[in-house]
PDB file of N, CA and C in Angstrom:
ATOM      1  N   MET A   1      27.328-123.121 -43.280  1.00  0.00           N
ATOM      2  CA  MET A   1      26.518-122.061 -43.867  1.00  0.00           C
ATOM      3  C   MET A   1      27.204-121.588 -45.143  1.00  0.00           C
ATOM      4  N   THR A   2      26.441-121.476 -46.189  1.00  0.00           N
ATOM      5  CA  THR A   2      26.943-120.981 -47.466  1.00  0.00           C
ATOM      6  C   THR A   2      26.018-119.887 -47.966  1.00  0.00           C
ATOM      7  N   ILE A   3      26.614-118.782 -48.332  1.00  0.00           N
ATOM      8  CA  ILE A   3      25.872-117.687 -48.948  1.00  0.00           C
ATOM      9  C   ILE A   3      26.238-117.670 -50.427  1.00  0.00           C
ATOM     10  N   ILE A   4      25.240-117.748 -51.264  1.00  0.00           N
ATOM     11  CA  ILE A   4      25.447-117.718 -52.719  1.00  0.00           C
ATOM     12  C   ILE A   4      25.077-116.332 -53.220  1.00  0.00           C
ATOM     13  N   ILE A   5      25.946-115.780 -54.050  1.00  0.00           N
ATOM     14  CA  ILE A   5      25.732-114.462 -54.630  1.00  0.00           C
ATOM     15  C   ILE A   5      25.048-114.640 -55.983  1.00  0.00           C
ATOM     16  N   ARG A   6      23.905-114.002 -56.146  1.00  0.00           N
ATOM     17  CA  ARG A   6      23.129-114.093 -57.391  1.00  0.00           C
ATOM     18  C   ARG A   6      23.176-112.791 -58.194  1.00  0.00           C
ATOM     19  N   LEU A   7      24.270-112.064 -58.069  1.00  0.00           N
ATOM     20  CA  LEU A   7      24.396-110.784 -58.767  1.00  0.00           C
ATOM     21  C   LEU A   7      24.355-110.968 -60.281  1.00  0.00           C
ATOM     22  N   ASP A   8      24.963-112.023 -60.782  1.00  0.00           N
ATOM     23  CA  ASP A   8      24.960-112.268 -62.224  1.00  0.00           C
ATOM     24  C   ASP A   8      23.548-112.432 -62.765  1.00  0.00           C
ATOM     25  N   ARG A   9      22.700-113.111 -61.998  1.00  0.00           N
ATOM     26  CA  ARG A   9      21.310-113.307 -62.419  1.00  0.00           C
ATOM     27  C   ARG A   9      20.553-111.983 -62.442  1.00  0.00           C
ATOM     28  N   MET A  10      20.780-111.146 -61.422  1.00  0.00           N
ATOM     29  CA  MET A  10      20.107-109.845 -61.365  1.00  0.00           C
ATOM     30  C   MET A  10      20.563-108.953 -62.513  1.00  0.00           C
ATOM     31  N   LEU A  11      21.844-108.987 -62.817  1.00  0.00           N
ATOM     32  CA  LEU A  11      22.350-108.194 -63.936  1.00  0.00           C
ATOM     33  C   LEU A  11      21.721-108.662 -65.247  1.00  0.00           C
ATOM     34  N   ALA A  12      21.621-109.957 -65.437  1.00  0.00           N
ATOM     35  CA  ALA A  12      21.014-110.497 -66.658  1.00  0.00           C
ATOM     36  C   ALA A  12      19.546-110.109 -66.743  1.00  0.00           C
ATOM     37  N   ASP A  13      18.835-110.208 -65.614  1.00  0.00           N
ATOM     38  CA  ASP A  13      17.418-109.842 -65.594  1.00  0.00           C
ATOM     39  C   ASP A  13      17.214-108.371 -65.951  1.00  0.00           C
ATOM     40  N   ARG A  14      18.160-107.541 -65.538  1.00  0.00           N
ATOM     41  CA  ARG A  14      18.056-106.097 -65.790  1.00  0.00           C
ATOM     42  C   ARG A  14      18.740-105.679 -67.092  1.00  0.00           C
ATOM     43  N   LYS A  15      19.315-106.664 -67.790  1.00  0.00           N
ATOM     44  CA  LYS A  15      20.039-106.407 -69.039  1.00  0.00           C
ATOM     45  C   LYS A  15      21.084-105.310 -68.829  1.00  0.00           C
ATOM     46  N   MET A  16      21.861-105.489 -67.765  1.00  0.00           N
ATOM     47  CA  MET A  16      22.873-104.506 -67.385  1.00  0.00           C
ATOM     48  C   MET A  16      24.235-105.188 -67.323  1.00  0.00           C
ATOM     49  N   GLN A  17      25.244-104.486 -67.789  1.00  0.00           N
ATOM     50  CA  GLN A  17      26.613-104.977 -67.721  1.00  0.00           C
ATOM     51  C   GLN A  17      27.214-104.617 -66.369  1.00  0.00           C
ATOM     52  N   LEU A  18      28.205-105.380 -65.936  1.00  0.00           N
ATOM     53  CA  LEU A  18      28.877-105.116 -64.673  1.00  0.00           C
ATOM     54  C   LEU A  18      29.520-103.732 -64.665  1.00  0.00           C
ATOM     55  N   SER A  19      30.052-103.321 -65.798  1.00  0.00           N
ATOM     56  CA  SER A  19      30.692-102.000 -65.888  1.00  0.00           C
ATOM     57  C   SER A  19      29.669-100.881 -65.676  1.00  0.00           C
ATOM     58  N   GLU A  20      28.463-101.062 -66.168  1.00  0.00           N
ATOM     59  CA  GLU A  20      27.409-100.064 -65.974  1.00  0.00           C
ATOM     60  C   GLU A  20      27.007 -99.988 -64.504  1.00  0.00           C
ATOM     61  N   LEU A  21      26.902-101.143 -63.859  1.00  0.00           N
ATOM     62  CA  LEU A  21      26.577-101.164 -62.434  1.00  0.00           C
ATOM     63  C   LEU A  21      27.683-100.509 -61.624  1.00  0.00           C
ATOM     64  N   ALA A  22      28.919-100.801 -61.966  1.00  0.00           N
ATOM     65  CA  ALA A  22      30.062-100.217 -61.253  1.00  0.00           C
ATOM     66  C   ALA A  22      30.013 -98.692 -61.317  1.00  0.00           C
ATOM     67  N   GLU A  23      29.674 -98.172 -62.472  1.00  0.00           N
ATOM     68  CA  GLU A  23      29.568 -96.724 -62.643  1.00  0.00           C
ATOM     69  C   GLU A  23      28.427 -96.151 -61.809  1.00  0.00           C
ATOM     70  N   LYS A  24      27.297 -96.841 -61.791  1.00  0.00           N
ATOM     71  CA  LYS A  24      26.126 -96.350 -61.051  1.00  0.00           C
ATOM     72  C   LYS A  24      26.345 -96.352 -59.542  1.00  0.00           C
ATOM     73  N   VAL A  25      27.044 -97.356 -59.025  1.00  0.00           N
ATOM     74  CA  VAL A  25      27.212 -97.481 -57.578  1.00  0.00           C
ATOM     75  C   VAL A  25      28.547 -96.934 -57.089  1.00  0.00           C
ATOM     76  N   ASP A  26      29.376 -96.475 -58.013  1.00  0.00           N
ATOM     77  CA  ASP A  26      30.685 -95.903 -57.687  1.00  0.00           C
ATOM     78  C   ASP A  26      31.549 -96.888 -56.895  1.00  0.00           C
ATOM     79  N   VAL A  27      31.583 -98.119 -57.384  1.00  0.00           N
ATOM     80  CA  VAL A  27      32.435 -99.170 -56.838  1.00  0.00           C
ATOM     81  C   VAL A  27      33.235 -99.715 -58.013  1.00  0.00           C
ATOM     82  N   SER A  28      34.494-100.047 -57.773  1.00  0.00           N
ATOM     83  CA  SER A  28      35.330-100.508 -58.876  1.00  0.00           C
ATOM     84  C   SER A  28      34.766-101.787 -59.491  1.00  0.00           C
ATOM     85  N   ILE A  29      35.004-101.934 -60.764  1.00  0.00           N
ATOM     86  CA  ILE A  29      34.530-103.121 -61.474  1.00  0.00           C
ATOM     87  C   ILE A  29      35.204-104.374 -60.918  1.00  0.00           C
ATOM     88  N   VAL A  30      36.445-104.240 -60.448  1.00  0.00           N
ATOM     89  CA  VAL A  30      37.152-105.379 -59.859  1.00  0.00           C
ATOM     90  C   VAL A  30      36.442-105.845 -58.585  1.00  0.00           C
ATOM     91  N   ASN A  31      36.058-104.896 -57.732  1.00  0.00           N
ATOM     92  CA  ASN A  31      35.359-105.264 -56.501  1.00  0.00           C
ATOM     93  C   ASN A  31      34.002-105.898 -56.795  1.00  0.00           C
ATOM     94  N   LEU A  32      33.284-105.354 -57.761  1.00  0.00           N
ATOM     95  CA  LEU A  32      31.987-105.946 -58.117  1.00  0.00           C
ATOM     96  C   LEU A  32      32.170-107.318 -58.766  1.00  0.00           C
ATOM     97  N   SER A  33      33.221-107.478 -59.536  1.00  0.00           N
ATOM     98  CA  SER A  33      33.499-108.775 -60.150  1.00  0.00           C
ATOM     99  C   SER A  33      33.802-109.811 -59.071  1.00  0.00           C
ATOM    100  N   ASN A  34      34.572-109.418 -58.059  1.00  0.00           N
ATOM    101  CA  ASN A  34      34.859-110.327 -56.948  1.00  0.00           C
ATOM    102  C   ASN A  34      33.580-110.689 -56.197  1.00  0.00           C
ATOM    103  N   LEU A  35      32.710-109.719 -56.025  1.00  0.00           N
ATOM    104  CA  LEU A  35      31.424-109.980 -55.379  1.00  0.00           C
ATOM    105  C   LEU A  35      30.593-110.946 -56.230  1.00  0.00           C
ATOM    106  N   LYS A  36      30.530-110.684 -57.505  1.00  0.00           N
ATOM    107  CA  LYS A  36      29.730-111.498 -58.426  1.00  0.00           C
ATOM    108  C   LYS A  36      30.194-112.951 -58.449  1.00  0.00           C
ATOM    109  N   THR A  37      31.503-113.161 -58.360  1.00  0.00           N
ATOM    110  CA  THR A  37      32.041-114.522 -58.416  1.00  0.00           C
ATOM    111  C   THR A  37      32.146-115.175 -57.049  1.00  0.00           C
ATOM    112  N   GLY A  38      31.744-114.461 -55.996  1.00  0.00           N
ATOM    113  CA  GLY A  38      31.751-115.031 -54.659  1.00  0.00           C
ATOM    114  C   GLY A  38      33.112-115.080 -54.006  1.00  0.00           C
ATOM    115  N   LYS A  39      34.044-114.269 -54.472  1.00  0.00           N
ATOM    116  CA  LYS A  39      35.401-114.271 -53.926  1.00  0.00           C
ATOM    117  C   LYS A  39      35.563-113.334 -52.732  1.00  0.00           C
ATOM    118  N   VAL A  40      34.482-112.814 -52.222  1.00  0.00           N
ATOM    119  CA  VAL A  40      34.555-111.896 -51.085  1.00  0.00           C
ATOM    120  C   VAL A  40      34.092-112.608 -49.822  1.00  0.00           C
ATOM    121  N   LYS A  41      34.574-112.146 -48.695  1.00  0.00           N
ATOM    122  CA  LYS A  41      34.174-112.711 -47.401  1.00  0.00           C
ATOM    123  C   LYS A  41      33.180-111.807 -46.687  1.00  0.00           C
ATOM    124  N   ALA A  42      33.039-110.565 -47.167  1.00  0.00           N
ATOM    125  CA  ALA A  42      32.138-109.603 -46.527  1.00  0.00           C
ATOM    126  C   ALA A  42      31.670-108.594 -47.563  1.00  0.00           C
ATOM    127  N   VAL A  43      30.519-108.001 -47.280  1.00  0.00           N
ATOM    128  CA  VAL A  43      29.964-106.950 -48.132  1.00  0.00           C
ATOM    129  C   VAL A  43      29.524-105.816 -47.222  1.00  0.00           C
ATOM    130  N   ARG A  44      29.948-104.620 -47.529  1.00  0.00           N
ATOM    131  CA  ARG A  44      29.504-103.467 -46.749  1.00  0.00           C
ATOM    132  C   ARG A  44      28.028-103.211 -47.039  1.00  0.00           C
ATOM    133  N   PHE A  45      27.320-102.818 -45.983  1.00  0.00           N
ATOM    134  CA  PHE A  45      25.905-102.503 -46.178  1.00  0.00           C
ATOM    135  C   PHE A  45      25.736-101.345 -47.146  1.00  0.00           C
ATOM    136  N   SER A  46      26.657-100.399 -47.148  1.00  0.00           N
ATOM    137  CA  SER A  46      26.550 -99.269 -48.077  1.00  0.00           C
ATOM    138  C   SER A  46      26.659 -99.748 -49.528  1.00  0.00           C
ATOM    139  N   THR A  47      27.517-100.732 -49.775  1.00  0.00           N
ATOM    140  CA  THR A  47      27.648-101.294 -51.122  1.00  0.00           C
ATOM    141  C   THR A  47      26.391-102.075 -51.489  1.00  0.00           C
ATOM    142  N   LEU A  48      25.913-102.888 -50.566  1.00  0.00           N
ATOM    143  CA  LEU A  48      24.692-103.660 -50.811  1.00  0.00           C
ATOM    144  C   LEU A  48      23.507-102.729 -51.066  1.00  0.00           C
ATOM    145  N   ASN A  49      23.432-101.664 -50.296  1.00  0.00           N
ATOM    146  CA  ASN A  49      22.369-100.679 -50.473  1.00  0.00           C
ATOM    147  C   ASN A  49      22.440-100.046 -51.865  1.00  0.00           C
ATOM    148  N   ALA A  50      23.632 -99.649 -52.280  1.00  0.00           N
ATOM    149  CA  ALA A  50      23.804 -99.013 -53.592  1.00  0.00           C
ATOM    150  C   ALA A  50      23.471 -99.978 -54.728  1.00  0.00           C
ATOM    151  N   VAL A  51      23.888-101.227 -54.593  1.00  0.00           N
ATOM    152  CA  VAL A  51      23.601-102.222 -55.630  1.00  0.00           C
ATOM    153  C   VAL A  51      22.096-102.476 -55.723  1.00  0.00           C
ATOM    154  N   CYS A  52      21.451-102.628 -54.574  1.00  0.00           N
ATOM    155  CA  CYS A  52      19.998-102.851 -54.570  1.00  0.00           C
ATOM    156  C   CYS A  52      19.253-101.662 -55.165  1.00  0.00           C
ATOM    157  N   LYS A  53      19.706-100.468 -54.857  1.00  0.00           N
ATOM    158  CA  LYS A  53      19.069 -99.268 -55.407  1.00  0.00           C
ATOM    159  C   LYS A  53      19.227 -99.229 -56.929  1.00  0.00           C
ATOM    160  N   ALA A  54      20.446 -99.504 -57.410  1.00  0.00           N
ATOM    161  CA  ALA A  54      20.713 -99.458 -58.851  1.00  0.00           C
ATOM    162  C   ALA A  54      19.953-100.537 -59.612  1.00  0.00           C
ATOM    163  N   LEU A  55      19.786-101.701 -58.983  1.00  0.00           N
ATOM    164  CA  LEU A  55      19.103-102.820 -59.652  1.00  0.00           C
ATOM    165  C   LEU A  55      17.622-102.899 -59.309  1.00  0.00           C
ATOM    166  N   ASN A  56      17.164-101.990 -58.433  1.00  0.00           N
ATOM    167  CA  ASN A  56      15.762-101.975 -58.002  1.00  0.00           C
ATOM    168  C   ASN A  56      15.351-103.359 -57.493  1.00  0.00           C
ATOM    169  N   CYS A  57      16.094-103.836 -56.491  1.00  0.00           N
ATOM    170  CA  CYS A  57      15.826-105.156 -55.946  1.00  0.00           C
ATOM    171  C   CYS A  57      16.025-105.162 -54.435  1.00  0.00           C
ATOM    172  N   GLN A  58      15.776-106.293 -53.826  1.00  0.00           N
ATOM    173  CA  GLN A  58      15.969-106.497 -52.398  1.00  0.00           C
ATOM    174  C   GLN A  58      17.263-107.282 -52.178  1.00  0.00           C
ATOM    175  N   PRO A  59      17.883-107.164 -50.994  1.00  0.00           N
ATOM    176  CA  PRO A  59      19.100-107.939 -50.728  1.00  0.00           C
ATOM    177  C   PRO A  59      18.899-109.446 -50.945  1.00  0.00           C
ATOM    178  N   GLY A  60      17.718-109.943 -50.627  1.00  0.00           N
ATOM    179  CA  GLY A  60      17.431-111.358 -50.823  1.00  0.00           C
ATOM    180  C   GLY A  60      17.394-111.785 -52.282  1.00  0.00           C
ATOM    181  N   ASP A  61      17.296-110.818 -53.187  1.00  0.00           N
ATOM    182  CA  ASP A  61      17.357-111.136 -54.616  1.00  0.00           C
ATOM    183  C   ASP A  61      18.795-111.400 -55.049  1.00  0.00           C
ATOM    184  N   ILE A  62      19.747-110.895 -54.265  1.00  0.00           N
ATOM    185  CA  ILE A  62      21.164-111.012 -54.599  1.00  0.00           C
ATOM    186  C   ILE A  62      21.855-112.081 -53.759  1.00  0.00           C
ATOM    187  N   LEU A  63      21.455-112.192 -52.497  1.00  0.00           N
ATOM    188  CA  LEU A  63      22.089-113.127 -51.569  1.00  0.00           C
ATOM    189  C   LEU A  63      21.137-114.272 -51.242  1.00  0.00           C
ATOM    190  N   GLU A  64      21.674-115.493 -51.269  1.00  0.00           N
ATOM    191  CA  GLU A  64      20.862-116.662 -50.943  1.00  0.00           C
ATOM    192  C   GLU A  64      21.616-117.537 -49.958  1.00  0.00           C
ATOM    193  N   TYR A  65      20.943-117.957 -48.898  1.00  0.00           N
ATOM    194  CA  TYR A  65      21.534-118.845 -47.903  1.00  0.00           C
ATOM    195  C   TYR A  65      21.215-120.287 -48.272  1.00  0.00           C
ATOM    196  N   VAL A  66      22.252-121.122 -48.260  1.00  0.00           N
ATOM    197  CA  VAL A  66      22.079-122.548 -48.501  1.00  0.00           C
ATOM    198  C   VAL A  66      22.776-123.278 -47.357  1.00  0.00           C
ATOM    199  N   GLU A  67      22.057-124.153 -46.703  1.00  0.00           N
ATOM    200  CA  GLU A  67      22.624-124.909 -45.586  1.00  0.00           C
ATOM    201  C   GLU A  67      23.636-125.914 -46.113  1.00  0.00           C
ATOM    202  N   ASP A  68      24.764-126.016 -45.417  1.00  0.00           N
ATOM    203  CA  ASP A  68      25.795-126.983 -45.786  1.00  0.00           C
ATOM    204  C   ASP A  68      25.267-128.392 -45.591  1.00  0.00           C
ATOM    205  N   GLU A  69      25.736-129.309 -46.378  1.00  0.00           N
ATOM    206  CA  GLU A  69      25.328-130.706 -46.260  1.00  0.00           C
ATOM    207  C   GLU A  69      25.819-131.315 -44.952  1.00  0.00           C
ATOM    208  N   ASP A  70      26.923-130.795 -44.415  1.00  0.00           N
ATOM    209  CA  ASP A  70      27.501-131.313 -43.182  1.00  0.00           C
ATOM    210  C   ASP A  70      26.641-131.000 -41.959  1.00  0.00           C
ATOM    211  N   ASP A  71      25.823-129.956 -42.042  1.00  0.00           N
ATOM    212  CA  ASP A  71      25.035-129.506 -40.875  1.00  0.00           C
ATOM    213  C   ASP A  71      23.832-130.349 -40.619  1.00  0.00           C
TER     214      ASP A  71
END
């Protein structure tokens, strides 16, 4: 199972910088950068909720499931 983070695409669609999102959701830019690059193993629902609210989107717009080739 692979989860792909599409935060960069949502930011581009909204013409928003990561620093602006970090300010709106009160999460450090480092943590959001790690999320954006897929370097995280978990996401708090409160963070996901805040990001979706700030970007006016659904969680499925940010997270995508892709089945592994091995499965």
